[in-house]
Protein backbone atom coordinates (compact mmCIF):
# COMPACT_ATOMS: atom_id res chain seq x y z
CA MET A 1 44.34 17.10 19.38
CA GLU A 2 47.00 18.22 16.86
CA VAL A 3 50.60 16.69 16.30
CA ARG A 4 53.31 19.17 15.50
CA ALA A 5 55.87 16.86 16.65
CA THR A 6 58.95 15.42 14.86
CA SER A 7 59.30 12.29 16.26
CA VAL A 8 57.08 9.61 17.75
CA GLU A 9 56.52 8.78 21.33
CA PRO A 10 58.30 5.37 21.83
CA SER A 11 54.71 3.97 22.76
CA GLY A 12 53.49 4.92 19.39
CA ILE A 13 50.07 6.55 18.84
CA ALA A 14 47.15 5.25 19.64
CA PHE A 15 44.60 4.02 17.17
CA ALA A 16 41.73 5.19 18.75
CA SER A 17 43.10 8.58 19.32
CA GLY A 18 42.36 11.99 17.79
CA ALA A 19 46.10 12.11 16.31
CA GLY A 20 44.96 8.23 15.21
CA ARG A 21 42.24 9.36 13.26
CA TRP A 22 43.96 12.18 11.83
CA LEU A 23 46.96 10.39 10.61
CA LEU A 24 44.99 7.46 9.06
CA THR A 25 42.66 10.10 7.35
CA VAL A 26 45.72 11.11 5.67
CA ALA A 27 46.97 7.92 4.75
CA VAL A 28 44.28 7.02 3.12
CA ALA A 29 43.09 10.13 1.46
CA GLY A 30 47.25 9.99 -0.41
CA SER A 31 47.04 6.38 -1.14
CA GLY A 32 43.63 6.64 -1.78
CA MET A 33 44.69 8.88 -5.04
CA ALA A 34 46.58 6.87 -6.81
CA PHE A 35 44.68 4.07 -6.20
CA LEU A 36 41.58 6.06 -8.11
CA ASP A 37 43.93 7.09 -10.20
CA GLY A 38 44.90 3.66 -10.92
CA THR A 39 41.42 2.64 -11.96
CA VAL A 40 39.78 6.00 -13.52
CA VAL A 41 42.03 6.02 -16.38
CA ASN A 42 41.48 3.06 -18.42
CA VAL A 43 37.94 3.88 -17.78
CA ALA A 44 38.64 7.59 -19.54
CA LEU A 45 40.70 6.11 -22.59
CA PRO A 46 38.04 6.15 -25.44
CA ASP A 47 37.34 9.64 -24.51
CA ILE A 48 40.79 10.67 -24.35
CA GLY A 49 41.32 8.92 -27.70
CA ARG A 50 38.75 10.63 -29.31
CA ASP A 51 39.45 13.99 -28.01
CA PHE A 52 43.57 13.82 -29.09
CA ASP A 53 42.30 11.66 -32.27
CA ALA A 54 44.92 8.81 -30.64
CA SER A 55 46.47 6.35 -32.34
CA THR A 56 46.57 3.38 -29.92
CA SER A 57 50.26 3.53 -29.18
CA ALA A 58 49.49 7.04 -27.79
CA LEU A 59 46.99 5.05 -25.17
CA GLN A 60 49.71 2.74 -24.51
CA TRP A 61 51.90 5.34 -23.42
CA ILE A 62 48.94 7.66 -21.62
CA LEU A 63 48.85 4.47 -19.15
CA ASN A 64 52.27 2.95 -19.39
CA GLY A 65 54.19 6.84 -18.59
CA TYR A 66 52.62 6.56 -15.49
CA LEU A 67 53.07 3.05 -14.57
CA LEU A 68 57.03 3.54 -15.98
CA THR A 69 58.39 5.86 -13.38
CA LEU A 70 56.21 4.65 -10.84
CA ALA A 71 57.68 1.24 -11.09
CA SER A 72 61.65 2.50 -11.66
CA LEU A 73 61.08 4.67 -8.56
CA ILE A 74 58.89 3.13 -5.92
CA LEU A 75 61.98 1.21 -4.36
CA LEU A 76 63.65 4.70 -4.09
CA GLY A 77 60.66 6.21 -2.94
CA GLY A 78 61.44 4.08 0.58
CA SER A 79 64.83 4.97 1.00
CA LEU A 80 64.24 8.80 0.46
CA GLY A 81 61.38 8.71 3.11
CA ASP A 82 63.75 6.36 5.92
CA ARG A 83 66.77 9.37 4.74
CA TYR A 84 64.96 12.24 4.97
CA GLY A 85 61.49 11.79 6.44
CA ARG A 86 58.55 10.17 5.75
CA ARG A 87 56.23 12.79 6.41
CA ARG A 88 57.87 15.18 4.26
CA ILE A 89 59.17 12.88 1.19
CA PHE A 90 55.07 11.80 1.42
CA VAL A 91 54.17 15.23 1.22
CA PHE A 92 56.79 15.84 -1.69
CA GLY A 93 54.78 13.14 -3.13
CA ILE A 94 51.41 14.55 -2.87
CA GLY A 95 52.25 17.89 -4.22
CA ILE A 96 53.75 16.44 -7.66
CA PHE A 97 50.58 14.11 -8.05
CA THR A 98 48.23 17.12 -7.96
CA ALA A 99 50.52 19.37 -9.91
CA ALA A 100 51.02 16.18 -12.47
CA SER A 101 47.28 16.41 -12.29
CA LEU A 102 46.57 19.48 -13.09
CA LEU A 103 48.73 19.24 -15.94
CA CYS A 104 46.93 16.55 -17.21
CA ALA A 105 43.40 18.22 -16.69
CA VAL A 106 44.79 21.23 -19.22
CA ALA A 107 46.74 18.62 -21.60
CA PRO A 108 46.57 20.15 -25.42
CA SER A 109 47.70 16.83 -26.42
CA ALA A 110 48.02 13.59 -26.30
CA GLU A 111 52.02 14.12 -25.72
CA PHE A 112 51.31 16.57 -23.26
CA LEU A 113 49.20 14.08 -21.13
CA VAL A 114 51.95 11.18 -21.42
CA GLY A 115 54.79 13.76 -20.20
CA ALA A 116 52.03 14.64 -17.51
CA ARG A 117 51.67 11.37 -16.36
CA LEU A 118 55.39 10.23 -16.43
CA LEU A 119 55.45 12.95 -13.98
CA GLN A 120 52.53 11.84 -11.94
CA GLY A 121 53.80 8.28 -11.58
CA ILE A 122 57.14 9.82 -9.81
CA GLY A 123 54.52 11.69 -7.71
CA GLY A 124 52.56 8.19 -7.11
CA ALA A 125 56.04 6.34 -6.04
CA LEU A 126 56.53 8.71 -3.42
CA LEU A 127 53.20 8.85 -1.70
CA THR A 128 52.06 5.06 -1.99
CA HIS A 129 55.22 3.57 -0.34
CA GLY A 130 55.09 6.63 1.98
CA SER A 131 51.43 6.36 3.67
CA LEU A 132 51.68 2.91 5.19
CA ALA A 133 55.43 4.10 6.06
CA ILE A 134 54.25 6.42 7.82
CA ILE A 135 51.07 4.15 9.89
CA GLU A 136 53.74 1.47 10.36
CA ALA A 137 56.15 4.04 11.93
CA SER A 138 54.06 6.00 13.93
CA PHE A 139 51.46 3.61 15.23
CA ARG A 140 52.50 1.72 18.48
CA PRO A 141 52.94 -1.56 18.23
CA ALA A 142 49.66 -3.38 19.23
CA ASP A 143 47.99 -1.22 16.84
CA ARG A 144 49.54 -1.29 14.20
CA ALA A 145 47.92 -4.10 12.41
CA ARG A 146 44.42 -2.73 13.13
CA ALA A 147 45.11 0.80 11.67
CA ILE A 148 47.14 -1.49 8.33
CA GLY A 149 43.99 -3.26 8.00
CA ALA A 150 41.69 0.04 7.90
CA TRP A 151 43.88 1.90 5.39
CA SER A 152 43.46 -1.80 3.53
CA GLY A 153 39.59 -1.74 3.74
CA LEU A 154 39.40 1.95 3.39
CA GLY A 155 41.54 1.75 0.46
CA GLY A 156 40.11 -1.19 -1.05
CA VAL A 157 36.61 1.25 -0.88
CA ALA A 158 38.36 3.82 -3.06
CA THR A 159 39.39 1.39 -5.40
CA ALA A 160 35.82 0.12 -5.73
CA LEU A 161 34.69 4.15 -6.43
CA GLY A 162 37.11 4.67 -8.70
CA PRO A 163 35.34 3.34 -11.92
CA LEU A 164 32.59 4.34 -10.70
CA LEU A 165 33.04 7.99 -10.09
CA GLY A 166 35.60 8.21 -13.32
CA GLY A 167 32.75 7.15 -15.13
CA TYR A 168 30.18 9.45 -13.60
CA LEU A 169 32.94 12.32 -14.19
CA ILE A 170 33.08 11.31 -17.60
CA GLY A 171 29.75 11.21 -18.99
CA ALA A 172 28.51 14.13 -16.59
CA ILE A 173 31.69 16.60 -17.00
CA SER A 174 34.63 15.19 -19.06
CA TRP A 175 37.69 12.94 -18.54
CA ARG A 176 39.55 15.70 -17.39
CA ALA A 177 37.77 15.84 -14.42
CA ILE A 178 38.85 12.79 -13.55
CA PHE A 179 42.29 14.15 -12.83
CA LEU A 180 40.66 17.85 -11.40
CA ILE A 181 39.32 15.95 -8.62
CA ASN A 182 43.15 15.44 -7.33
CA LEU A 183 43.43 19.24 -6.88
CA PRO A 184 41.31 19.60 -3.51
CA ILE A 185 42.21 15.68 -2.21
CA GLY A 186 45.66 17.10 -2.67
CA ILE A 187 45.95 20.36 -0.93
CA PHE A 188 43.89 18.77 1.78
CA VAL A 189 45.99 16.31 2.35
CA ALA A 190 49.29 18.01 2.45
CA TRP A 191 47.78 20.20 4.77
CA ALA A 192 46.95 17.91 6.96
CA ALA A 193 50.05 15.84 6.88
CA THR A 194 51.73 19.05 7.67
CA GLU A 195 49.76 19.74 10.69
CA HIS A 196 48.49 16.28 12.20
CA VAL A 197 51.39 14.02 10.88
CA PRO A 198 54.62 13.23 12.88
CA GLU A 199 57.97 13.25 11.13
CA THR A 200 59.89 10.02 11.52
CA ARG A 201 62.94 8.49 9.88
CA ASP A 202 65.02 5.57 10.32
CA PRO A 203 68.14 6.50 12.20
CA THR A 204 70.31 3.60 11.05
CA ALA A 205 69.45 4.65 7.26
CA GLY A 206 73.56 5.66 6.12
CA GLY A 207 75.29 5.50 2.62
CA ARG A 208 74.47 7.08 -0.33
CA ILE A 209 71.38 6.77 -2.37
CA ASP A 210 71.10 5.17 -5.64
CA LEU A 211 70.12 7.85 -7.76
CA LEU A 212 72.34 5.53 -10.51
CA GLY A 213 70.19 2.34 -9.92
CA ALA A 214 67.13 4.05 -9.74
CA SER A 215 68.25 6.16 -13.17
CA LEU A 216 69.37 3.08 -15.03
CA ALA A 217 66.04 1.18 -14.14
CA ALA A 218 64.05 4.19 -15.36
CA ILE A 219 66.17 3.93 -19.07
CA GLY A 220 65.96 0.20 -19.09
CA LEU A 221 62.31 0.13 -18.71
CA ALA A 222 61.70 3.25 -21.46
CA GLY A 223 63.75 1.92 -23.63
CA THR A 224 62.07 -1.18 -23.78
CA THR A 225 58.80 0.00 -23.46
CA TYR A 226 59.16 2.31 -26.04
CA ALA A 227 60.46 -0.16 -28.70
CA LEU A 228 57.34 -2.42 -27.74
CA ILE A 229 54.89 0.09 -28.46
CA GLU A 230 56.55 1.73 -31.70
CA ALA A 231 57.76 -1.34 -33.62
CA PRO A 232 54.33 -2.02 -34.80
CA GLY A 233 54.04 1.52 -36.40
CA GLN A 234 57.70 2.22 -37.05
CA GLY A 235 59.94 -1.49 -38.16
CA ALA A 236 63.28 -1.24 -37.14
CA SER A 237 63.70 2.25 -37.61
CA ALA A 238 66.64 4.05 -35.99
CA ALA A 239 65.14 5.15 -33.31
CA VAL A 240 63.00 1.94 -32.43
CA LEU A 241 66.55 0.28 -32.08
CA ILE A 242 68.18 2.77 -30.02
CA GLY A 243 65.54 2.61 -27.84
CA ALA A 244 65.59 -1.69 -27.79
CA ILE A 245 69.18 -2.13 -27.10
CA GLY A 246 69.77 1.16 -25.23
CA GLY A 247 67.19 -0.44 -22.66
CA LEU A 248 68.46 -3.54 -22.57
CA LEU A 249 71.92 -2.20 -21.93
CA ALA A 250 70.94 0.10 -19.27
CA LEU A 251 68.46 -3.40 -17.50
CA VAL A 252 72.13 -5.12 -18.01
CA ALA A 253 74.25 -1.95 -16.11
CA PHE A 254 70.87 -1.61 -13.43
CA PHE A 255 71.99 -5.13 -12.45
CA ALA A 256 75.58 -5.07 -12.62
CA THR A 257 75.40 -1.72 -10.58
CA GLU A 258 73.28 -3.29 -7.88
CA ARG A 259 75.73 -5.98 -7.10
CA ARG A 260 78.45 -3.92 -6.56
CA SER A 261 76.90 -0.97 -5.11
CA PRO A 262 77.49 -0.97 -1.12
CA ASN A 263 74.15 0.69 -0.56
CA PRO A 264 71.65 -0.62 -3.05
CA MET A 265 68.22 -0.09 -4.02
CA LEU A 266 67.51 -3.58 -4.92
CA PRO A 267 69.81 -5.83 -2.99
CA LEU A 268 70.51 -8.38 -5.29
CA GLU A 269 70.90 -11.10 -2.41
CA ILE A 270 67.01 -11.26 -1.47
CA PHE A 271 66.53 -13.43 -4.56
CA SER A 272 69.15 -15.97 -3.08
CA SER A 273 65.62 -17.08 -1.62
CA ARG A 274 64.31 -19.89 -3.90
CA GLN A 275 60.61 -19.07 -2.87
CA PHE A 276 61.01 -15.19 -2.93
CA SER A 277 61.79 -15.52 -6.74
CA ALA A 278 59.50 -18.17 -7.32
CA ALA A 279 56.41 -15.84 -5.81
CA ASN A 280 57.94 -12.94 -7.45
CA ALA A 281 57.51 -15.10 -10.79
CA VAL A 282 53.84 -16.07 -10.26
CA THR A 283 53.03 -12.63 -9.61
CA PHE A 284 54.78 -11.35 -12.63
CA VAL A 285 53.51 -13.98 -15.08
CA VAL A 286 49.76 -13.43 -13.16
CA TYR A 287 49.76 -9.33 -12.84
CA ALA A 288 50.75 -9.68 -16.37
CA ALA A 289 47.44 -11.16 -17.37
CA LEU A 290 45.70 -8.81 -14.89
CA GLY A 291 47.41 -5.99 -16.60
CA GLY A 292 46.14 -7.15 -19.87
CA PHE A 293 42.77 -7.84 -18.67
CA PHE A 294 42.13 -4.23 -17.03
CA PHE A 295 43.65 -2.12 -20.03
CA LEU A 296 40.68 -3.41 -22.55
CA LEU A 297 37.85 -4.84 -20.82
CA VAL A 298 36.44 -1.25 -20.50
CA SER A 299 37.31 0.37 -23.62
CA PHE A 300 36.05 -3.19 -25.16
CA LEU A 301 32.58 -2.53 -23.30
CA GLN A 302 32.49 1.03 -24.59
CA ILE A 303 33.41 0.52 -28.22
CA SER A 304 31.82 -2.71 -28.99
CA MET A 305 28.91 -3.06 -26.53
CA ASP A 306 28.34 0.54 -26.50
CA TYR A 307 28.32 0.97 -23.03
CA THR A 308 28.65 4.24 -20.85
CA PRO A 309 31.56 5.66 -19.00
CA ILE A 310 29.61 5.01 -15.90
CA GLU A 311 28.09 0.95 -16.72
CA ALA A 312 31.67 0.28 -18.44
CA GLY A 313 33.52 1.67 -14.90
CA ALA A 314 30.68 -0.50 -12.97
CA ALA A 315 30.85 -4.13 -14.59
CA SER A 316 34.05 -4.86 -13.00
CA LEU A 317 32.60 -3.59 -9.64
CA PRO A 318 31.88 -7.41 -8.21
CA VAL A 319 35.70 -8.13 -8.91
CA THR A 320 36.44 -5.46 -6.19
CA LEU A 321 33.66 -6.60 -3.61
CA LEU A 322 35.04 -10.25 -3.71
CA MET A 323 38.42 -8.58 -2.79
CA LEU A 324 36.90 -6.71 -0.09
CA LEU A 325 34.74 -9.64 1.22
CA PHE A 326 37.24 -12.53 1.45
CA SER A 327 41.04 -11.68 -0.02
CA ALA A 328 41.79 -11.90 4.40
CA ARG A 329 40.37 -15.28 4.24
CA ALA A 330 41.85 -16.26 1.60
CA GLY A 331 45.02 -15.65 4.00
CA ALA A 332 43.83 -17.17 6.11
CA LEU A 333 43.26 -20.40 4.23
CA ALA A 334 46.32 -20.13 2.74
CA GLN A 335 48.15 -20.37 6.27
CA ARG A 336 46.53 -23.37 7.43
CA ILE A 337 46.45 -25.41 3.73
CA GLY A 338 50.05 -23.93 2.64
CA ALA A 339 50.17 -21.31 -0.20
CA ARG A 340 50.28 -23.51 -2.88
CA ILE A 341 47.05 -24.92 -3.55
CA PRO A 342 45.58 -21.54 -3.26
CA LEU A 343 48.21 -19.96 -5.43
CA THR A 344 47.73 -22.64 -8.09
CA VAL A 345 44.13 -22.81 -8.16
CA GLY A 346 43.67 -19.24 -8.29
CA PRO A 347 45.57 -18.44 -11.34
CA LEU A 348 43.29 -21.47 -12.70
CA VAL A 349 39.90 -19.67 -11.84
CA ILE A 350 40.95 -16.85 -13.18
CA ALA A 351 41.82 -18.38 -16.66
CA VAL A 352 38.84 -19.69 -16.78
CA GLY A 353 37.04 -16.23 -15.96
CA LEU A 354 38.94 -15.07 -18.55
CA LEU A 355 38.12 -17.27 -21.26
CA MET A 356 34.29 -17.18 -20.27
CA LEU A 357 34.26 -13.40 -21.25
CA THR A 358 35.59 -14.59 -24.72
CA GLN A 359 31.20 -15.06 -25.39
CA MET A 360 31.06 -11.53 -24.91
CA ASP A 361 29.35 -10.21 -27.86
CA PRO A 362 27.48 -7.05 -28.93
CA GLY A 363 23.75 -7.51 -27.78
CA VAL A 364 24.77 -9.87 -24.85
CA SER A 365 23.27 -8.67 -22.12
CA TYR A 366 25.66 -8.22 -18.72
CA LEU A 367 23.65 -10.42 -16.27
CA THR A 368 24.55 -13.57 -18.66
CA GLY A 369 27.30 -12.76 -21.01
CA LEU A 370 29.78 -10.68 -18.69
CA LEU A 371 28.58 -11.31 -15.13
CA PRO A 372 29.32 -15.08 -15.19
CA GLY A 373 32.68 -14.23 -16.15
CA ILE A 374 33.46 -11.50 -13.71
CA LEU A 375 32.34 -13.28 -10.91
CA VAL A 376 34.69 -16.38 -11.77
CA PHE A 377 37.71 -14.04 -12.78
CA GLY A 378 37.03 -11.89 -9.08
CA LEU A 379 36.74 -15.57 -7.23
CA GLY A 380 40.24 -16.61 -8.94
CA LEU A 381 41.87 -13.16 -7.68
CA THR A 382 40.63 -13.66 -4.13
CA LEU A 383 43.22 -17.00 -4.26
CA VAL A 384 46.01 -15.01 -5.28
CA VAL A 385 46.51 -11.99 -3.82
CA ALA A 386 46.65 -12.40 -0.22
CA PRO A 387 48.65 -15.44 -0.67
CA VAL A 388 51.32 -14.09 -2.44
CA THR A 389 52.46 -11.31 -0.33
CA ALA A 390 52.23 -13.39 2.42
CA THR A 391 54.97 -15.96 0.40
CA VAL A 392 57.30 -13.31 -0.71
CA LEU A 393 57.63 -11.76 2.89
CA ALA A 394 57.52 -15.02 4.59
CA ALA A 395 60.56 -15.99 2.39
CA ALA A 396 62.28 -12.86 2.21
CA ASP A 397 64.65 -12.43 5.30
CA MET A 398 63.25 -10.28 8.15
CA ARG A 399 66.26 -7.31 7.50
CA HIS A 400 64.20 -7.53 4.10
CA SER A 401 60.89 -7.36 4.66
CA GLY A 402 60.17 -3.59 3.63
CA ILE A 403 61.92 -4.01 0.19
CA ALA A 404 60.60 -7.41 -0.21
CA SER A 405 56.96 -5.75 -0.44
CA GLY A 406 58.48 -3.14 -3.03
CA VAL A 407 59.91 -5.34 -4.88
CA ASN A 408 56.84 -7.51 -5.40
CA ASN A 409 54.96 -4.76 -6.15
CA ALA A 410 57.44 -3.13 -8.14
CA VAL A 411 57.41 -6.81 -10.43
CA ALA A 412 53.54 -6.46 -10.35
CA ARG A 413 53.52 -2.80 -12.05
CA VAL A 414 56.71 -4.06 -14.83
CA ALA A 415 54.31 -7.38 -15.86
CA GLY A 416 51.33 -4.43 -16.71
CA LEU A 417 53.33 -2.03 -18.67
CA LEU A 418 54.85 -4.78 -20.56
CA ALA A 419 51.13 -6.59 -21.51
CA VAL A 420 50.21 -2.85 -22.34
CA ALA A 421 52.83 -2.70 -24.37
CA VAL A 422 52.67 -5.81 -26.15
CA LEU A 423 48.86 -6.97 -26.38
CA PRO A 424 47.47 -4.91 -27.99
CA VAL A 425 50.28 -5.73 -30.84
CA ALA A 426 49.84 -9.79 -30.38
CA VAL A 427 46.49 -8.89 -31.03
CA GLY A 428 46.27 -6.59 -33.80
CA LEU A 429 44.71 -3.75 -32.34
CA THR A 430 46.93 -1.10 -34.28
CA GLY A 431 46.28 2.45 -35.44
CA ASP A 432 42.85 3.42 -35.69
CA ASP A 433 41.97 -0.42 -35.09
CA PHE A 434 41.21 0.00 -31.74
CA TYR A 435 38.38 2.02 -32.27
CA ASP A 436 36.62 -0.09 -34.33
CA PRO A 437 34.21 -2.04 -32.47
CA GLY A 438 34.25 -5.03 -35.01
CA LYS A 439 37.97 -5.14 -34.78
CA MET A 440 37.92 -4.21 -30.62
CA THR A 441 35.68 -7.29 -30.55
CA ASP A 442 38.24 -9.64 -32.55
CA GLY A 443 40.90 -8.55 -30.42
CA PHE A 444 39.23 -8.53 -27.33
CA HIS A 445 38.30 -12.54 -27.46
CA MET A 446 41.85 -13.35 -28.48
CA ALA A 447 43.47 -10.98 -25.69
CA MET A 448 41.50 -12.83 -23.13
CA VAL A 449 42.40 -16.26 -24.92
CA LEU A 450 45.67 -14.83 -24.22
CA CYS A 451 45.89 -13.44 -20.67
CA ALA A 452 44.19 -16.63 -19.85
CA VAL A 453 47.11 -18.86 -21.21
CA LEU A 454 49.15 -16.47 -18.92
CA SER A 455 47.11 -16.79 -16.37
CA ALA A 456 47.43 -20.63 -16.26
CA LEU A 457 51.03 -20.75 -16.40
CA GLY A 458 51.65 -18.62 -13.72
CA GLY A 459 48.78 -21.55 -11.38
CA GLY A 460 51.55 -24.04 -12.80
CA LEU A 461 55.04 -22.32 -12.26
CA ALA A 462 53.03 -22.06 -9.00
CA TRP A 463 52.10 -25.59 -8.67
CA LEU A 464 56.38 -26.84 -9.11
CA THR A 465 57.92 -24.09 -7.31
CA ILE A 466 55.97 -22.94 -3.92
CA GLU A 467 56.51 -25.16 -1.08
CA PRO A 468 53.94 -25.86 0.78
CA GLY A 469 55.12 -25.17 3.93
CA VAL A 470 56.75 -21.48 3.12
CA LEU A 471 54.02 -19.95 5.49
CA HIS A 472 54.87 -20.84 9.05
CA PRO A 473 52.56 -20.21 11.53
CA GLU A 474 55.43 -19.72 14.43
CA PRO A 475 55.66 -15.63 14.69
CA GLU A 476 59.60 -14.89 13.44
CA PRO A 477 61.74 -12.95 16.07
CA GLY A 478 60.34 -9.60 16.32
CA GLY A 479 58.02 -10.39 13.75
CA ASP A 480 54.21 -11.37 12.81
CA THR A 481 52.92 -14.36 11.23
CA PRO A 482 52.58 -14.85 7.68
CA GLU A 483 48.66 -14.99 8.54
CA ARG A 484 48.45 -11.55 9.62
CA LEU A 485 50.03 -10.06 7.31
CA ALA A 486 47.77 -11.93 4.79
CA GLU A 487 45.00 -10.56 6.87
CA ASP A 488 46.43 -7.21 6.83
CA TYR A 489 44.74 -6.64 2.98
CA SER A 490 41.80 -6.92 1.53
CA CYS A 491 42.14 -5.13 -1.80
CA ALA A 492 44.67 -4.83 -4.81
CA LEU A 493 44.09 -5.00 -8.28
CA ASN A 494 46.91 -2.71 -9.80
CA GLY A 495 49.49 -4.74 -8.04
CA PRO A 496 50.23 -6.40 -4.08
CA PRO A 497 50.01 -4.35 -0.94
CA LEU A 498 52.85 -2.81 -0.24
CA ARG A 499 54.31 -3.14 3.68
CA PRO A 500 57.58 -1.23 4.90
CA GLY A 501 58.16 -3.96 7.09
CA ARG A 502 56.80 -6.72 9.60
CA GLU A 503 55.36 -5.63 12.74
CA ALA A 504 57.40 -5.74 16.45
CA GLU A 505 56.22 -6.93 19.31
CA CYS A 506 52.69 -6.67 18.95
CA THR A 507 49.99 -7.50 21.11
């Protein structure tokens, strides 16, 4: 059945209907592009660096360019969808992401690729939030949890296949192929969304869009990131000082603007909840460790361990499989025993796994050297993702549930951005040292120790700040329980899941 309506029937779309299958296909395929891109670029970094003779700082910018605009604009993307139509903004995001992917594929230089990645992040900010917002707004209440669970599970499959597919394309064709694959997917999703997805919007959305806040956030993150990445090579140059001072001033201005704005992108009152602030602090510290780990692992395996791209991409597959199998169960466990214990034990287990990886040296086999640490790391991660998301949503006021998940996701992205900017400098992988097998091995070992310390700090922070009873089993008025919220999600390696709002009247 073709759906061209500009609004959704009051009862919503049934999950098992033809319209429901089309809607889910569009949402999964659209967000799947962003999930794939978030995992395959790390695998391609050594090949990109060799092709462009790129320095470590250029590789950092190739990753951080995307994270910069994504983290800055992901909250704005939700506001635009509510105001101008979720399908419209989603399709617009797909268009930007697809066009930017083409620019990435034909990039003649590292600088051009960084610019294209910045553009890609803008598209990602619009489509990632939009895909789940469409599901939440379009399916009937009784089917929303099932639809979101399917979206999450299929998204997890895309995340799992990303490194394998990327590694194959890099080895068989070129790193450029990992961006070209987005073109047919993007064209299909844009067409299918226009033909088969109903338009929805929030009739209560009013006031001005907070473009000033979004601009200040982007400038602030860009300036501070520039200073962190470029300072090792340029020292206290005028450009670095301008970036650092200008970025910090822009961030101060951002918070001042959000405090005064009648319709802020980030309502600061949301942080009045101690548990919400605590859960986001834990997210920041732990996801900084995760960002550093995923940034360096596949490059270390290719440069120092002589893995092929597909072998390096497949090396962390057990982590994704563990997430798919056990994240929902971890959310249910947190519901029964409280969030404090999982959010304390999980980061500590992650730290143990990271320390085990410091034993990896050239010549050590995957089964005895890498796999044990990867499995321990993955088990720890399953204890963190669903409980921290459920805690964030449970701690926020119900009217802020949509913005709460967006804030948590943005916090994780910023943490990863800063980790990618700082970690290579901290472990001595600057300039051309990134491509030296011996220096990469030493740097990777030191980086895993630092990431383990960060993760352990996250566990300690959770023990001191997270209250055992923050996840309550009773449904909130018009909402779902934190347990059901946690079980909606199965995999999120790059950032916590996004959820526009709690479900209403689920039966």
